[in-house]
Amino acid sequence: MTGAYPTASLRQINTGADRDPVHALTPDFTVGLEPKMCQLVLDSAQYGEVSRQHARFVVVDHLSGAAQWQLCDLNSANGTYLNQQLMTGCKFLKAGDRIRLGRNGPEFIV
């Protein structure tokens, strides 16, 4: 892949905070509980359904020739849900997609 990667961010929702946290994605961005391996580290006491390395966001060349974001489940114990559907492997993302880590885990909007 050449050139700049497409920009994207994750907005974590339903946190109970005054403002939903927003995280800028980098080309290889992992979410989970393990501080040494993840760019977004979640609190295991609050999010027990999240795996040490739960999901990864990567930029890949799409068949159209344009670079796109892809979400990959990292064989998490409780699954990754994209738009309320349990996913396996990797799926391309679009603006407004909803991602949840585990059945009742943290939820994000791309």
PDB file of N, CA and C in Angstrom:
ATOM      1  N   MET A   1       0.856  -1.169   0.000  1.00  0.00           N
ATOM      2  CA  MET A   1       0.000   0.000   0.000  1.00  0.00           C
ATOM      3  C   MET A   1       0.899   1.228   0.000  1.00  0.00           C
ATOM      4  N   THR A   2       0.563   2.179  -0.831  1.00  0.00           N
ATOM      5  CA  THR A   2       1.367   3.381  -0.933  1.00  0.00           C
ATOM      6  C   THR A   2       0.549   4.584  -0.515  1.00  0.00           C
ATOM      7  N   GLY A   3       1.239   5.659  -0.169  1.00  0.00           N
ATOM      8  CA  GLY A   3       0.548   6.894   0.181  1.00  0.00           C
ATOM      9  C   GLY A   3       0.015   6.874   1.596  1.00  0.00           C
ATOM     10  N   ALA A   4      -0.801   7.885   1.873  1.00  0.00           N
ATOM     11  CA  ALA A   4      -1.356   8.043   3.214  1.00  0.00           C
ATOM     12  C   ALA A   4      -2.495   7.059   3.438  1.00  0.00           C
ATOM     13  N   TYR A   5      -2.638   6.650   4.672  1.00  0.00           N
ATOM     14  CA  TYR A   5      -3.747   5.762   5.004  1.00  0.00           C
ATOM     15  C   TYR A   5      -4.989   6.599   5.305  1.00  0.00           C
ATOM     16  N   PRO A   6      -6.175   6.018   5.120  1.00  0.00           N
ATOM     17  CA  PRO A   6      -7.401   6.766   5.410  1.00  0.00           C
ATOM     18  C   PRO A   6      -7.519   7.019   6.908  1.00  0.00           C
ATOM     19  N   THR A   7      -8.039   8.165   7.264  1.00  0.00           N
ATOM     20  CA  THR A   7      -8.189   8.490   8.681  1.00  0.00           C
ATOM     21  C   THR A   7      -9.511   7.944   9.199  1.00  0.00           C
ATOM     22  N   ALA A   8      -9.501   7.574  10.459  1.00  0.00           N
ATOM     23  CA  ALA A   8     -10.709   7.085  11.122  1.00  0.00           C
ATOM     24  C   ALA A   8     -10.526   7.222  12.621  1.00  0.00           C
ATOM     25  N   SER A   9     -11.635   7.233  13.316  1.00  0.00           N
ATOM     26  CA  SER A   9     -11.580   7.269  14.775  1.00  0.00           C
ATOM     27  C   SER A   9     -12.685   6.391  15.341  1.00  0.00           C
ATOM     28  N   LEU A  10     -12.491   5.986  16.575  1.00  0.00           N
ATOM     29  CA  LEU A  10     -13.474   5.206  17.316  1.00  0.00           C
ATOM     30  C   LEU A  10     -14.019   6.081  18.427  1.00  0.00           C
ATOM     31  N   ARG A  11     -15.332   6.149  18.523  1.00  0.00           N
ATOM     32  CA  ARG A  11     -15.961   6.842  19.648  1.00  0.00           C
ATOM     33  C   ARG A  11     -16.579   5.779  20.530  1.00  0.00           C
ATOM     34  N   GLN A  12     -16.083   5.702  21.764  1.00  0.00           N
ATOM     35  CA  GLN A  12     -16.642   4.741  22.709  1.00  0.00           C
ATOM     36  C   GLN A  12     -17.934   5.321  23.265  1.00  0.00           C
ATOM     37  N   ILE A  13     -18.997   4.536  23.254  1.00  0.00           N
ATOM     38  CA  ILE A  13     -20.301   5.033  23.691  1.00  0.00           C
ATOM     39  C   ILE A  13     -20.756   4.322  24.960  1.00  0.00           C
ATOM     40  N   ASN A  14     -21.727   4.921  25.617  1.00  0.00           N
ATOM     41  CA  ASN A  14     -22.322   4.369  26.833  1.00  0.00           C
ATOM     42  C   ASN A  14     -21.305   4.176  27.948  1.00  0.00           C
ATOM     43  N   THR A  15     -20.404   5.121  28.098  1.00  0.00           N
ATOM     44  CA  THR A  15     -19.385   5.002  29.146  1.00  0.00           C
ATOM     45  C   THR A  15     -19.824   5.614  30.458  1.00  0.00           C
ATOM     46  N   GLY A  16     -20.845   6.456  30.418  1.00  0.00           N
ATOM     47  CA  GLY A  16     -21.278   7.151  31.626  1.00  0.00           C
ATOM     48  C   GLY A  16     -20.490   8.423  31.876  1.00  0.00           C
ATOM     49  N   ALA A  17     -19.511   8.704  31.032  1.00  0.00           N
ATOM     50  CA  ALA A  17     -18.712   9.922  31.172  1.00  0.00           C
ATOM     51  C   ALA A  17     -19.470  11.103  30.567  1.00  0.00           C
ATOM     52  N   ASP A  18     -19.050  12.314  30.921  1.00  0.00           N
ATOM     53  CA  ASP A  18     -19.673  13.516  30.356  1.00  0.00           C
ATOM     54  C   ASP A  18     -19.529  13.545  28.835  1.00  0.00           C
ATOM     55  N   ARG A  19     -18.384  13.100  28.347  1.00  0.00           N
ATOM     56  CA  ARG A  19     -18.125  13.043  26.906  1.00  0.00           C
ATOM     57  C   ARG A  19     -17.634  11.651  26.557  1.00  0.00           C
ATOM     58  N   ASP A  20     -18.105  11.149  25.425  1.00  0.00           N
ATOM     59  CA  ASP A  20     -17.636   9.850  24.965  1.00  0.00           C
ATOM     60  C   ASP A  20     -16.190   9.964  24.520  1.00  0.00           C
ATOM     61  N   PRO A  21     -15.309   9.064  25.005  1.00  0.00           N
ATOM     62  CA  PRO A  21     -13.914   9.101  24.569  1.00  0.00           C
ATOM     63  C   PRO A  21     -13.793   8.796  23.079  1.00  0.00           C
ATOM     64  N   VAL A  22     -12.897   9.526  22.404  1.00  0.00           N
ATOM     65  CA  VAL A  22     -12.634   9.318  20.978  1.00  0.00           C
ATOM     66  C   VAL A  22     -11.174   8.923  20.831  1.00  0.00           C
ATOM     67  N   HIS A  23     -10.931   7.884  20.034  1.00  0.00           N
ATOM     68  CA  HIS A  23      -9.589   7.361  19.830  1.00  0.00           C
ATOM     69  C   HIS A  23      -9.267   7.401  18.337  1.00  0.00           C
ATOM     70  N   ALA A  24      -8.204   8.088  17.965  1.00  0.00           N
ATOM     71  CA  ALA A  24      -7.765   8.129  16.563  1.00  0.00           C
ATOM     72  C   ALA A  24      -7.094   6.801  16.236  1.00  0.00           C
ATOM     73  N   LEU A  25      -7.503   6.193  15.139  1.00  0.00           N
ATOM     74  CA  LEU A  25      -6.911   4.920  14.731  1.00  0.00           C
ATOM     75  C   LEU A  25      -5.592   5.152  14.009  1.00  0.00           C
ATOM     76  N   THR A  26      -4.646   4.290  14.280  1.00  0.00           N
ATOM     77  CA  THR A  26      -3.383   4.242  13.553  1.00  0.00           C
ATOM     78  C   THR A  26      -3.429   2.987  12.677  1.00  0.00           C
ATOM     79  N   PRO A  27      -2.558   2.839  11.675  1.00  0.00           N
ATOM     80  CA  PRO A  27      -2.691   1.744  10.710  1.00  0.00           C
ATOM     81  C   PRO A  27      -2.762   0.332  11.287  1.00  0.00           C
ATOM     82  N   ASP A  28      -2.216   0.101  12.442  1.00  0.00           N
ATOM     83  CA  ASP A  28      -2.308  -1.215  13.083  1.00  0.00           C
ATOM     84  C   ASP A  28      -2.640  -0.969  14.548  1.00  0.00           C
ATOM     85  N   PHE A  29      -3.916  -0.994  14.881  1.00  0.00           N
ATOM     86  CA  PHE A  29      -4.435  -0.530  16.170  1.00  0.00           C
ATOM     87  C   PHE A  29      -5.155  -1.689  16.844  1.00  0.00           C
ATOM     88  N   THR A  30      -4.645  -2.117  17.999  1.00  0.00           N
ATOM     89  CA  THR A  30      -5.219  -3.254  18.713  1.00  0.00           C
ATOM     90  C   THR A  30      -5.918  -2.787  19.975  1.00  0.00           C
ATOM     91  N   VAL A  31      -7.072  -3.410  20.256  1.00  0.00           N
ATOM     92  CA  VAL A  31      -7.871  -3.109  21.446  1.00  0.00           C
ATOM     93  C   VAL A  31      -7.921  -4.361  22.313  1.00  0.00           C
ATOM     94  N   GLY A  32      -7.720  -4.186  23.608  1.00  0.00           N
ATOM     95  CA  GLY A  32      -7.793  -5.320  24.530  1.00  0.00           C
ATOM     96  C   GLY A  32      -7.362  -4.917  25.923  1.00  0.00           C
ATOM     97  N   LEU A  33      -6.975  -5.901  26.711  1.00  0.00           N
ATOM     98  CA  LEU A  33      -6.607  -5.671  28.108  1.00  0.00           C
ATOM     99  C   LEU A  33      -5.097  -5.580  28.330  1.00  0.00           C
ATOM    100  N   GLU A  34      -4.300  -6.037  27.387  1.00  0.00           N
ATOM    101  CA  GLU A  34      -2.845  -6.142  27.558  1.00  0.00           C
ATOM    102  C   GLU A  34      -2.137  -4.840  27.201  1.00  0.00           C
ATOM    103  N   PRO A  35      -1.599  -4.145  28.212  1.00  0.00           N
ATOM    104  CA  PRO A  35      -0.954  -2.849  27.949  1.00  0.00           C
ATOM    105  C   PRO A  35       0.248  -2.912  27.004  1.00  0.00           C
ATOM    106  N   LYS A  36       0.986  -4.000  27.007  1.00  0.00           N
ATOM    107  CA  LYS A  36       2.177  -4.093  26.165  1.00  0.00           C
ATOM    108  C   LYS A  36       1.843  -4.366  24.701  1.00  0.00           C
ATOM    109  N   MET A  37       0.625  -4.827  24.423  1.00  0.00           N
ATOM    110  CA  MET A  37       0.271  -5.245  23.075  1.00  0.00           C
ATOM    111  C   MET A  37      -0.830  -4.405  22.429  1.00  0.00           C
ATOM    112  N   CYS A  38      -1.496  -3.564  23.200  1.00  0.00           N
ATOM    113  CA  CYS A  38      -2.675  -2.858  22.689  1.00  0.00           C
ATOM    114  C   CYS A  38      -2.478  -1.343  22.723  1.00  0.00           C
ATOM    115  N   GLN A  39      -2.988  -0.680  21.703  1.00  0.00           N
ATOM    116  CA  GLN A  39      -2.961   0.776  21.668  1.00  0.00           C
ATOM    117  C   GLN A  39      -4.117   1.360  22.481  1.00  0.00           C
ATOM    118  N   LEU A  40      -5.224   0.638  22.563  1.00  0.00           N
ATOM    119  CA  LEU A  40      -6.341   1.033  23.426  1.00  0.00           C
ATOM    120  C   LEU A  40      -6.505  -0.061  24.468  1.00  0.00           C
ATOM    121  N   VAL A  41      -6.141   0.265  25.700  1.00  0.00           N
ATOM    122  CA  VAL A  41      -6.186  -0.699  26.798  1.00  0.00           C
ATOM    123  C   VAL A  41      -7.437  -0.423  27.628  1.00  0.00           C
ATOM    124  N   LEU A  42      -8.246  -1.457  27.797  1.00  0.00           N
ATOM    125  CA  LEU A  42      -9.478  -1.347  28.559  1.00  0.00           C
ATOM    126  C   LEU A  42      -9.292  -1.948  29.944  1.00  0.00           C
ATOM    127  N   ASP A  43     -10.083  -1.506  30.889  1.00  0.00           N
ATOM    128  CA  ASP A  43     -10.005  -1.935  32.286  1.00  0.00           C
ATOM    129  C   ASP A  43     -10.688  -3.294  32.445  1.00  0.00           C
ATOM    130  N   SER A  44      -9.929  -4.300  32.870  1.00  0.00           N
ATOM    131  CA  SER A  44     -10.477  -5.650  33.006  1.00  0.00           C
ATOM    132  C   SER A  44     -11.555  -5.729  34.089  1.00  0.00           C
ATOM    133  N   ALA A  45     -11.482  -4.879  35.109  1.00  0.00           N
ATOM    134  CA  ALA A  45     -12.507  -4.880  36.158  1.00  0.00           C
ATOM    135  C   ALA A  45     -13.845  -4.389  35.608  1.00  0.00           C
ATOM    136  N   GLN A  46     -13.803  -3.484  34.654  1.00  0.00           N
ATOM    137  CA  GLN A  46     -15.014  -2.926  34.070  1.00  0.00           C
ATOM    138  C   GLN A  46     -15.492  -3.742  32.864  1.00  0.00           C
ATOM    139  N   TYR A  47     -14.555  -4.315  32.120  1.00  0.00           N
ATOM    140  CA  TYR A  47     -14.878  -5.013  30.877  1.00  0.00           C
ATOM    141  C   TYR A  47     -14.319  -6.432  30.907  1.00  0.00           C
ATOM    142  N   GLY A  48     -14.923  -7.270  31.718  1.00  0.00           N
ATOM    143  CA  GLY A  48     -14.456  -8.647  31.894  1.00  0.00           C
ATOM    144  C   GLY A  48     -14.604  -9.523  30.666  1.00  0.00           C
ATOM    145  N   GLU A  49     -15.426  -9.126  29.703  1.00  0.00           N
ATOM    146  CA  GLU A  49     -15.624  -9.922  28.490  1.00  0.00           C
ATOM    147  C   GLU A  49     -14.546  -9.685  27.439  1.00  0.00           C
ATOM    148  N   VAL A  50     -13.709  -8.690  27.656  1.00  0.00           N
ATOM    149  CA  VAL A  50     -12.693  -8.327  26.667  1.00  0.00           C
ATOM    150  C   VAL A  50     -11.455  -9.197  26.861  1.00  0.00           C
ATOM    151  N   SER A  51     -10.911  -9.686  25.769  1.00  0.00           N
ATOM    152  CA  SER A  51      -9.706 -10.521  25.793  1.00  0.00           C
ATOM    153  C   SER A  51      -8.449  -9.658  25.877  1.00  0.00           C
ATOM    154  N   ARG A  52      -7.327 -10.291  26.194  1.00  0.00           N
ATOM    155  CA  ARG A  52      -6.057  -9.563  26.291  1.00  0.00           C
ATOM    156  C   ARG A  52      -5.754  -8.823  25.006  1.00  0.00           C
ATOM    157  N   GLN A  53      -5.905  -9.482  23.876  1.00  0.00           N
ATOM    158  CA  GLN A  53      -5.830  -8.864  22.546  1.00  0.00           C
ATOM    159  C   GLN A  53      -7.131  -9.252  21.856  1.00  0.00           C
ATOM    160  N   HIS A  54      -8.087  -8.361  21.834  1.00  0.00           N
ATOM    161  CA  HIS A  54      -9.439  -8.704  21.404  1.00  0.00           C
ATOM    162  C   HIS A  54      -9.670  -8.480  19.911  1.00  0.00           C
ATOM    163  N   ALA A  55      -9.353  -7.291  19.435  1.00  0.00           N
ATOM    164  CA  ALA A  55      -9.622  -6.950  18.033  1.00  0.00           C
ATOM    165  C   ALA A  55      -8.547  -6.010  17.516  1.00  0.00           C
ATOM    166  N   ARG A  56      -8.370  -6.046  16.196  1.00  0.00           N
ATOM    167  CA  ARG A  56      -7.357  -5.195  15.567  1.00  0.00           C
ATOM    168  C   ARG A  56      -7.987  -4.456  14.395  1.00  0.00           C
ATOM    169  N   PHE A  57      -7.604  -3.203  14.258  1.00  0.00           N
ATOM    170  CA  PHE A  57      -7.998  -2.366  13.130  1.00  0.00           C
ATOM    171  C   PHE A  57      -6.769  -2.193  12.258  1.00  0.00           C
ATOM    172  N   VAL A  58      -6.899  -2.535  10.983  1.00  0.00           N
ATOM    173  CA  VAL A  58      -5.782  -2.431  10.045  1.00  0.00           C
ATOM    174  C   VAL A  58      -6.251  -1.743   8.771  1.00  0.00           C
ATOM    175  N   VAL A  59      -5.309  -1.151   8.071  1.00  0.00           N
ATOM    176  CA  VAL A  59      -5.588  -0.557   6.763  1.00  0.00           C
ATOM    177  C   VAL A  59      -5.101  -1.544   5.713  1.00  0.00           C
ATOM    178  N   VAL A  60      -5.976  -1.860   4.762  1.00  0.00           N
ATOM    179  CA  VAL A  60      -5.616  -2.794   3.695  1.00  0.00           C
ATOM    180  C   VAL A  60      -6.094  -2.233   2.366  1.00  0.00           C
ATOM    181  N   ASP A  61      -5.488  -2.725   1.302  1.00  0.00           N
ATOM    182  CA  ASP A  61      -5.943  -2.363  -0.042  1.00  0.00           C
ATOM    183  C   ASP A  61      -7.201  -3.159  -0.350  1.00  0.00           C
ATOM    184  N   HIS A  62      -8.250  -2.468  -0.678  1.00  0.00           N
ATOM    185  CA  HIS A  62      -9.514  -3.099  -1.056  1.00  0.00           C
ATOM    186  C   HIS A  62      -9.437  -3.490  -2.528  1.00  0.00           C
ATOM    187  N   LEU A  63     -10.330  -4.361  -2.961  1.00  0.00           N
ATOM    188  CA  LEU A  63     -10.347  -4.791  -4.366  1.00  0.00           C
ATOM    189  C   LEU A  63     -10.496  -3.621  -5.327  1.00  0.00           C
ATOM    190  N   SER A  64     -11.116  -2.541  -4.845  1.00  0.00           N
ATOM    191  CA  SER A  64     -11.299  -1.358  -5.694  1.00  0.00           C
ATOM    192  C   SER A  64      -9.989  -0.612  -5.922  1.00  0.00           C
ATOM    193  N   GLY A  65      -8.956  -0.973  -5.172  1.00  0.00           N
ATOM    194  CA  GLY A  65      -7.682  -0.287  -5.290  1.00  0.00           C
ATOM    195  C   GLY A  65      -7.481   0.804  -4.259  1.00  0.00           C
ATOM    196  N   ALA A  66      -8.534   1.137  -3.544  1.00  0.00           N
ATOM    197  CA  ALA A  66      -8.447   2.154  -2.496  1.00  0.00           C
ATOM    198  C   ALA A  66      -8.160   1.481  -1.151  1.00  0.00           C
ATOM    199  N   ALA A  67      -7.422   2.165  -0.312  1.00  0.00           N
ATOM    200  CA  ALA A  67      -7.145   1.647   1.024  1.00  0.00           C
ATOM    201  C   ALA A  67      -8.376   1.836   1.903  1.00  0.00           C
ATOM    202  N   GLN A  68      -8.670   0.825   2.711  1.00  0.00           N
ATOM    203  CA  GLN A  68      -9.815   0.876   3.614  1.00  0.00           C
ATOM    204  C   GLN A  68      -9.447   0.279   4.959  1.00  0.00           C
ATOM    205  N   TRP A  69     -10.247   0.634   5.969  1.00  0.00           N
ATOM    206  CA  TRP A  69     -10.086   0.060   7.300  1.00  0.00           C
ATOM    207  C   TRP A  69     -10.776  -1.290   7.357  1.00  0.00           C
ATOM    208  N   GLN A  70     -10.137  -2.193   8.067  1.00  0.00           N
ATOM    209  CA  GLN A  70     -10.694  -3.510   8.290  1.00  0.00           C
ATOM    210  C   GLN A  70     -10.614  -3.818   9.783  1.00  0.00           C
ATOM    211  N   LEU A  71     -11.641  -4.468  10.309  1.00  0.00           N
ATOM    212  CA  LEU A  71     -11.680  -4.917  11.696  1.00  0.00           C
ATOM    213  C   LEU A  71     -11.471  -6.418  11.706  1.00  0.00           C
ATOM    214  N   CYS A  72     -10.547  -6.886  12.549  1.00  0.00           N
ATOM    215  CA  CYS A  72     -10.266  -8.313  12.657  1.00  0.00           C
ATOM    216  C   CYS A  72     -10.454  -8.761  14.094  1.00  0.00           C
ATOM    217  N   ASP A  73     -11.270  -9.792  14.295  1.00  0.00           N
ATOM    218  CA  ASP A  73     -11.374 -10.419  15.606  1.00  0.00           C
ATOM    219  C   ASP A  73     -10.132 -11.274  15.796  1.00  0.00           C
ATOM    220  N   LEU A  74      -9.523 -11.190  16.959  1.00  0.00           N
ATOM    221  CA  LEU A  74      -8.270 -11.906  17.218  1.00  0.00           C
ATOM    222  C   LEU A  74      -8.540 -13.188  18.008  1.00  0.00           C
ATOM    223  N   ASN A  75      -9.534 -13.953  17.554  1.00  0.00           N
ATOM    224  CA  ASN A  75      -9.930 -15.190  18.232  1.00  0.00           C
ATOM    225  C   ASN A  75     -10.277 -14.926  19.696  1.00  0.00           C
ATOM    226  N   SER A  76     -11.000 -13.845  19.926  1.00  0.00           N
ATOM    227  CA  SER A  76     -11.384 -13.461  21.279  1.00  0.00           C
ATOM    228  C   SER A  76     -12.324 -14.498  21.876  1.00  0.00           C
ATOM    229  N   ALA A  77     -12.284 -14.618  23.194  1.00  0.00           N
ATOM    230  CA  ALA A  77     -13.115 -15.609  23.886  1.00  0.00           C
ATOM    231  C   ALA A  77     -14.601 -15.295  23.765  1.00  0.00           C
ATOM    232  N   ASN A  78     -14.973 -14.015  23.758  1.00  0.00           N
ATOM    233  CA  ASN A  78     -16.387 -13.630  23.773  1.00  0.00           C
ATOM    234  C   ASN A  78     -16.869 -12.980  22.490  1.00  0.00           C
ATOM    235  N   GLY A  79     -16.038 -12.975  21.478  1.00  0.00           N
ATOM    236  CA  GLY A  79     -16.459 -12.501  20.169  1.00  0.00           C
ATOM    237  C   GLY A  79     -16.434 -11.000  19.989  1.00  0.00           C
ATOM    238  N   THR A  80     -16.469 -10.611  18.729  1.00  0.00           N
ATOM    239  CA  THR A  80     -16.559  -9.213  18.314  1.00  0.00           C
ATOM    240  C   THR A  80     -17.811  -9.096  17.462  1.00  0.00           C
ATOM    241  N   TYR A  81     -18.607  -8.080  17.745  1.00  0.00           N
ATOM    242  CA  TYR A  81     -19.868  -7.873  17.036  1.00  0.00           C
ATOM    243  C   TYR A  81     -19.751  -6.620  16.174  1.00  0.00           C
ATOM    244  N   LEU A  82     -20.110  -6.761  14.907  1.00  0.00           N
ATOM    245  CA  LEU A  82     -20.140  -5.643  13.978  1.00  0.00           C
ATOM    246  C   LEU A  82     -21.590  -5.440  13.580  1.00  0.00           C
ATOM    247  N   ASN A  83     -22.128  -4.276  13.934  1.00  0.00           N
ATOM    248  CA  ASN A  83     -23.533  -3.968  13.659  1.00  0.00           C
ATOM    249  C   ASN A  83     -24.455  -5.077  14.177  1.00  0.00           C
ATOM    250  N   GLN A  84     -24.197  -5.506  15.401  1.00  0.00           N
ATOM    251  CA  GLN A  84     -24.978  -6.489  16.159  1.00  0.00           C
ATOM    252  C   GLN A  84     -24.867  -7.912  15.635  1.00  0.00           C
ATOM    253  N   GLN A  85     -23.940  -8.160  14.716  1.00  0.00           N
ATOM    254  CA  GLN A  85     -23.732  -9.503  14.176  1.00  0.00           C
ATOM    255  C   GLN A  85     -22.368 -10.014  14.623  1.00  0.00           C
ATOM    256  N   LEU A  86     -22.357 -11.206  15.219  1.00  0.00           N
ATOM    257  CA  LEU A  86     -21.097 -11.823  15.603  1.00  0.00           C
ATOM    258  C   LEU A  86     -20.269 -12.047  14.351  1.00  0.00           C
ATOM    259  N   MET A  87     -19.042 -11.585  14.376  1.00  0.00           N
ATOM    260  CA  MET A  87     -18.196 -11.714  13.197  1.00  0.00           C
ATOM    261  C   MET A  87     -17.067 -12.701  13.438  1.00  0.00           C
ATOM    262  N   THR A  88     -16.549 -13.237  12.367  1.00  0.00           N
ATOM    263  CA  THR A  88     -15.347 -14.058  12.408  1.00  0.00           C
ATOM    264  C   THR A  88     -14.381 -13.479  11.391  1.00  0.00           C
ATOM    265  N   GLY A  89     -13.106 -13.683  11.636  1.00  0.00           N
ATOM    266  CA  GLY A  89     -12.106 -13.177  10.704  1.00  0.00           C
ATOM    267  C   GLY A  89     -12.087 -11.667  10.654  1.00  0.00           C
ATOM    268  N   CYS A  90     -12.019 -11.123   9.437  1.00  0.00           N
ATOM    269  CA  CYS A  90     -11.903  -9.677   9.231  1.00  0.00           C
ATOM    270  C   CYS A  90     -13.049  -9.180   8.352  1.00  0.00           C
ATOM    271  N   LYS A  91     -13.483  -7.951   8.616  1.00  0.00           N
ATOM    272  CA  LYS A  91     -14.556  -7.322   7.838  1.00  0.00           C
ATOM    273  C   LYS A  91     -14.161  -5.877   7.538  1.00  0.00           C
ATOM    274  N   PHE A  92     -14.511  -5.407   6.324  1.00  0.00           N
ATOM    275  CA  PHE A  92     -14.282  -4.014   5.983  1.00  0.00           C
ATOM    276  C   PHE A  92     -15.265  -3.137   6.740  1.00  0.00           C
ATOM    277  N   LEU A  93     -14.809  -1.930   7.100  1.00  0.00           N
ATOM    278  CA  LEU A  93     -15.619  -0.995   7.877  1.00  0.00           C
ATOM    279  C   LEU A  93     -16.051   0.193   7.039  1.00  0.00           C
ATOM    280  N   LYS A  94     -17.154   0.798   7.478  1.00  0.00           N
ATOM    281  CA  LYS A  94     -17.605   2.053   6.880  1.00  0.00           C
ATOM    282  C   LYS A  94     -18.008   2.989   8.015  1.00  0.00           C
ATOM    283  N   ALA A  95     -18.076   4.260   7.719  1.00  0.00           N
ATOM    284  CA  ALA A  95     -18.455   5.250   8.727  1.00  0.00           C
ATOM    285  C   ALA A  95     -19.813   4.895   9.316  1.00  0.00           C
ATOM    286  N   GLY A  96     -19.911   4.989  10.629  1.00  0.00           N
ATOM    287  CA  GLY A  96     -21.167   4.712  11.321  1.00  0.00           C
ATOM    288  C   GLY A  96     -21.306   3.284  11.804  1.00  0.00           C
ATOM    289  N   ASP A  97     -20.388   2.386  11.424  1.00  0.00           N
ATOM    290  CA  ASP A  97     -20.457   1.012  11.914  1.00  0.00           C
ATOM    291  C   ASP A  97     -20.348   0.993  13.431  1.00  0.00           C
ATOM    292  N   ARG A  98     -21.076   0.058  14.044  1.00  0.00           N
ATOM    293  CA  ARG A  98     -21.045  -0.122  15.497  1.00  0.00           C
ATOM    294  C   ARG A  98     -20.309  -1.415  15.813  1.00  0.00           C
ATOM    295  N   ILE A  99     -19.401  -1.323  16.759  1.00  0.00           N
ATOM    296  CA  ILE A  99     -18.573  -2.456  17.149  1.00  0.00           C
ATOM    297  C   ILE A  99     -18.751  -2.670  18.649  1.00  0.00           C
ATOM    298  N   ARG A 100     -18.957  -3.927  19.038  1.00  0.00           N
ATOM    299  CA  ARG A 100     -19.056  -4.259  20.461  1.00  0.00           C
ATOM    300  C   ARG A 100     -18.120  -5.430  20.732  1.00  0.00           C
ATOM    301  N   LEU A 101     -17.385  -5.348  21.810  1.00  0.00           N
ATOM    302  CA  LEU A 101     -16.452  -6.405  22.204  1.00  0.00           C
ATOM    303  C   LEU A 101     -17.122  -7.282  23.248  1.00  0.00           C
ATOM    304  N   GLY A 102     -17.522  -8.483  22.858  1.00  0.00           N
ATOM    305  CA  GLY A 102     -18.297  -9.364  23.723  1.00  0.00           C
ATOM    306  C   GLY A 102     -19.771  -9.019  23.647  1.00  0.00           C
ATOM    307  N   ARG A 103     -20.607  -9.875  24.236  1.00  0.00           N
ATOM    308  CA  ARG A 103     -22.063  -9.654  24.173  1.00  0.00           C
ATOM    309  C   ARG A 103     -22.496  -8.363  24.866  1.00  0.00           C
ATOM    310  N   ASN A 104     -21.861  -8.068  25.998  1.00  0.00           N
ATOM    311  CA  ASN A 104     -22.237  -6.900  26.790  1.00  0.00           C
ATOM    312  C   ASN A 104     -21.056  -5.993  27.067  1.00  0.00           C
ATOM    313  N   GLY A 105     -20.041  -6.074  26.231  1.00  0.00           N
ATOM    314  CA  GLY A 105     -18.820  -5.317  26.448  1.00  0.00           C
ATOM    315  C   GLY A 105     -18.891  -3.902  25.927  1.00  0.00           C
ATOM    316  N   PRO A 106     -17.759  -3.230  25.870  1.00  0.00           N
ATOM    317  CA  PRO A 106     -17.724  -1.843  25.422  1.00  0.00           C
ATOM    318  C   PRO A 106     -18.149  -1.740  23.958  1.00  0.00           C
ATOM    319  N   GLU A 107     -18.782  -0.622  23.640  1.00  0.00           N
ATOM    320  CA  GLU A 107     -19.292  -0.404  22.284  1.00  0.00           C
ATOM    321  C   GLU A 107     -18.671   0.859  21.706  1.00  0.00           C
ATOM    322  N   PHE A 108     -18.404   0.790  20.410  1.00  0.00           N
ATOM    323  CA  PHE A 108     -17.744   1.880  19.699  1.00  0.00           C
ATOM    324  C   PHE A 108     -18.485   2.165  18.394  1.00  0.00           C
ATOM    325  N   ILE A 109     -18.357   3.399  17.920  1.00  0.00           N
ATOM    326  CA  ILE A 109     -18.843   3.777  16.593  1.00  0.00           C
ATOM    327  C   ILE A 109     -17.645   4.275  15.798  1.00  0.00           C
ATOM    328  N   VAL A 110     -17.529   3.785  14.553  1.00  0.00           N
ATOM    329  CA  VAL A 110     -16.421   4.208  13.679  1.00  0.00           C
ATOM    330  C   VAL A 110     -16.772   5.569  13.110  1.00  0.00           C
TER     331      VAL A 110
END
